[in-house]
């Protein structure tokens, strides 16, 4: 028992030294991102408008927020589900579906029930003309949470201070 404790302690000290050494060698410019208050406001406006478009079923507003209607917009399937589809139907299946944005916009625009997506813990990381937005979400229909998880957006600045969503991926945990 004493040997295991000593070995564990030696391994822990070695790992601490390796980690500390790695931190010392990180260049000073790492983590210094180019961001402005105007860009942060513009990105937050896209976030706000996205939620408004869902709540008001405004497909046109939603379309103004995305780079184009062919962006990656999907919740990837699990590795087990991908393996099943590859085994039974399509050996090239990657777990993503085409047309995700169009399907989402159509469902939002034609839904007859109250729908909203609530965002929590929003984090924006921007560096120049590229930004990442990550948050916890819950998707609510008729006042009941249908699913929840994390959602990430890649965004890009396209000119005239306009930011557009270039891709959307999320996890989906059903209640």
Protein backbone atom coordinates (compact mmCIF):
# COMPACT_ATOMS: atom_id res chain seq x y z
CA UNK A 1 0.00 0.00 0.00
CA UNK A 2 2.82 2.38 0.90
CA UNK A 3 4.47 1.68 -2.51
CA UNK A 4 1.28 2.54 -4.37
CA UNK A 5 0.94 5.79 -2.46
CA UNK A 6 4.54 6.76 -3.25
CA UNK A 7 4.12 5.83 -6.91
CA UNK A 8 0.91 7.84 -7.12
CA UNK A 9 2.60 10.83 -5.49
CA UNK A 10 5.57 10.63 -7.86
CA UNK A 11 3.27 10.42 -10.90
CA UNK A 12 1.20 13.35 -9.66
CA UNK A 13 4.29 15.50 -9.15
CA UNK A 14 5.58 14.59 -12.60
CA UNK A 15 2.26 15.54 -14.20
CA UNK A 16 2.19 18.84 -12.30
CA UNK A 17 5.68 19.68 -13.53
CA UNK A 18 4.80 18.83 -17.14
CA UNK A 19 1.64 20.95 -16.96
CA UNK A 20 3.47 23.87 -15.36
CA UNK A 21 6.22 23.65 -17.96
CA UNK A 22 3.68 23.68 -20.78
CA UNK A 23 1.99 26.78 -19.36
CA UNK A 24 5.34 28.58 -19.19
CA UNK A 25 5.93 27.95 -22.89
CA UNK A 26 2.62 29.37 -24.15
CA UNK A 27 3.33 32.45 -26.29
CA UNK A 28 2.00 35.75 -24.90
CA UNK A 29 -0.31 36.29 -27.89
CA UNK A 30 -2.28 33.08 -27.30
CA UNK A 31 -5.74 33.96 -25.99
CA UNK A 32 -5.55 37.58 -27.12
CA UNK A 33 -8.58 37.91 -29.36
CA UNK A 34 -9.58 40.91 -31.41
CA UNK A 35 -13.03 42.02 -30.26
CA UNK A 36 -14.87 45.32 -30.10
CA UNK A 37 -17.91 46.45 -28.10
CA UNK A 38 -19.70 47.16 -31.41
CA UNK A 39 -19.13 43.60 -32.60
CA UNK A 40 -20.28 42.16 -29.28
CA UNK A 41 -23.47 44.24 -29.50
CA UNK A 42 -24.05 43.11 -33.10
CA UNK A 43 -23.55 39.43 -32.19
CA UNK A 44 -25.89 39.79 -29.21
CA UNK A 45 -28.47 41.35 -31.56
CA UNK A 46 -28.27 38.24 -33.80
CA UNK A 47 -28.84 36.08 -30.70
CA UNK A 48 -31.84 38.20 -29.66
CA UNK A 49 -33.29 38.23 -33.19
CA UNK A 50 -32.90 34.45 -33.48
CA UNK A 51 -34.98 33.95 -30.35
CA UNK A 52 -37.54 36.52 -31.54
CA UNK A 53 -37.83 34.85 -34.96
CA UNK A 54 -38.63 31.51 -33.33
CA UNK A 55 -41.12 32.98 -30.88
CA UNK A 56 -42.91 35.06 -33.56
CA UNK A 57 -42.60 32.36 -36.27
CA UNK A 58 -40.85 34.89 -38.54
CA UNK A 59 -39.05 32.83 -41.21
CA UNK A 60 -37.95 35.95 -43.06
CA UNK A 61 -36.25 37.39 -39.96
CA UNK A 62 -34.64 34.01 -39.33
CA UNK A 63 -33.27 33.98 -42.89
CA UNK A 64 -31.60 37.37 -42.38
CA UNK A 65 -29.50 35.89 -39.59
CA UNK A 66 -27.86 33.04 -41.51
CA UNK A 67 -25.11 33.23 -44.10
CA UNK A 68 -27.18 31.18 -46.55
CA UNK A 69 -29.87 28.50 -46.49
CA UNK A 70 -27.31 25.69 -46.96
CA UNK A 71 -25.41 26.21 -43.71
CA UNK A 72 -24.66 23.23 -41.47
CA UNK A 73 -27.65 23.21 -39.12
CA UNK A 74 -28.04 19.92 -37.30
CA UNK A 75 -27.82 17.87 -34.16
CA UNK A 76 -25.44 15.02 -35.05
CA UNK A 77 -26.61 11.46 -34.51
CA UNK A 78 -24.87 9.29 -31.91
CA UNK A 79 -22.01 7.02 -33.02
CA UNK A 80 -24.25 3.96 -32.43
CA UNK A 81 -26.99 5.39 -34.66
CA UNK A 82 -24.46 6.29 -37.35
CA UNK A 83 -23.08 2.74 -37.23
CA UNK A 84 -26.60 1.31 -37.58
CA UNK A 85 -27.40 3.43 -40.64
CA UNK A 86 -24.02 2.58 -42.20
CA UNK A 87 -24.60 -1.12 -41.58
CA UNK A 88 -28.19 -1.20 -42.87
CA UNK A 89 -28.49 1.54 -45.49
CA UNK A 90 -25.58 3.79 -46.44
CA UNK A 91 -21.89 3.10 -45.79
CA UNK A 92 -21.04 6.78 -46.30
CA UNK A 93 -23.56 8.19 -43.79
CA UNK A 94 -21.88 10.75 -41.50
CA UNK A 95 -24.65 11.43 -38.98
CA UNK A 96 -25.59 14.83 -40.41
CA UNK A 97 -28.52 15.60 -42.65
CA UNK A 98 -28.70 18.05 -45.50
CA UNK A 99 -31.31 20.78 -45.42
CA UNK A 100 -31.40 21.19 -41.66
CA UNK A 101 -31.84 24.95 -41.74
CA UNK A 102 -34.65 24.81 -44.33
CA UNK A 103 -36.49 22.12 -42.37
CA UNK A 104 -36.13 24.11 -39.14
CA UNK A 105 -37.33 27.36 -40.73
CA UNK A 106 -40.32 25.58 -42.28
CA UNK A 107 -41.32 23.97 -38.97
CA UNK A 108 -40.98 27.28 -37.13
CA UNK A 109 -42.93 29.19 -39.77
CA UNK A 110 -45.81 26.74 -40.00
CA UNK A 111 -46.15 25.71 -36.35
CA UNK A 112 -49.55 26.42 -34.85
CA UNK A 113 -48.34 26.17 -31.25
CA UNK A 114 -46.31 28.55 -29.09
CA UNK A 115 -42.61 27.80 -29.60
CA UNK A 116 -39.47 29.33 -28.17
CA UNK A 117 -35.84 28.56 -27.55
CA UNK A 118 -34.38 29.81 -24.28
CA UNK A 119 -30.63 30.43 -23.98
CA UNK A 120 -28.57 30.22 -20.79
CA UNK A 121 -24.87 30.76 -20.03
CA UNK A 122 -24.18 32.44 -23.38
CA UNK A 123 -20.48 32.71 -24.14
CA UNK A 124 -19.18 34.67 -27.13
CA UNK A 125 -15.60 34.24 -28.29
CA UNK A 126 -14.63 36.58 -31.11
CA UNK A 127 -11.40 37.05 -32.97
CA UNK A 128 -11.65 39.60 -35.75
CA UNK A 129 -14.23 38.58 -38.33
CA UNK A 130 -14.97 35.15 -36.79
CA UNK A 131 -16.93 34.39 -33.64
CA UNK A 132 -18.19 31.37 -31.75
CA UNK A 133 -21.32 31.48 -29.66
CA UNK A 134 -21.98 28.68 -27.19
CA UNK A 135 -24.83 28.31 -24.75
CA UNK A 136 -27.11 25.93 -22.90
CA UNK A 137 -30.59 25.89 -24.38
CA UNK A 138 -34.04 24.51 -23.91
CA UNK A 139 -36.56 24.20 -26.73
CA UNK A 140 -40.08 24.87 -25.47
CA UNK A 141 -43.39 24.04 -27.19
CA UNK A 142 -46.74 24.90 -25.66
CA UNK A 143 -44.99 25.87 -22.43
CA UNK A 144 -43.24 22.50 -22.02
CA UNK A 145 -39.55 21.81 -22.52
CA UNK A 146 -39.26 19.38 -25.42
CA UNK A 147 -35.46 19.05 -25.43
CA UNK A 148 -32.35 20.71 -24.08
CA UNK A 149 -28.58 20.64 -24.42
CA UNK A 150 -25.73 22.78 -25.66
CA UNK A 151 -25.74 24.73 -28.90
CA UNK A 152 -22.84 26.26 -30.78
CA UNK A 153 -22.79 28.74 -33.62
CA UNK A 154 -19.94 29.72 -35.85
CA UNK A 155 -20.42 33.26 -37.06
CA UNK A 156 -18.67 35.52 -39.51
CA UNK A 157 -18.69 39.22 -40.16
CA UNK A 158 -19.79 39.80 -43.74
CA UNK A 159 -19.42 43.56 -43.98
CA UNK A 160 -21.18 46.74 -42.89
CA UNK A 161 -20.89 45.52 -39.29
CA UNK A 162 -23.23 42.61 -40.11
CA UNK A 163 -22.70 39.24 -38.46
CA UNK A 164 -24.19 36.05 -39.91
CA UNK A 165 -24.54 32.53 -38.56
CA UNK A 166 -22.37 30.20 -40.66
CA UNK A 167 -23.17 26.94 -38.83
CA UNK A 168 -25.27 25.63 -35.95
CA UNK A 169 -24.76 22.36 -34.08
CA UNK A 170 -26.42 21.20 -30.89
CA UNK A 171 -26.90 18.24 -28.59
CA UNK A 172 -30.43 17.05 -28.05
CA UNK A 173 -31.54 15.60 -24.77
CA UNK A 174 -35.21 14.77 -24.68
CA UNK A 175 -37.37 15.01 -21.58
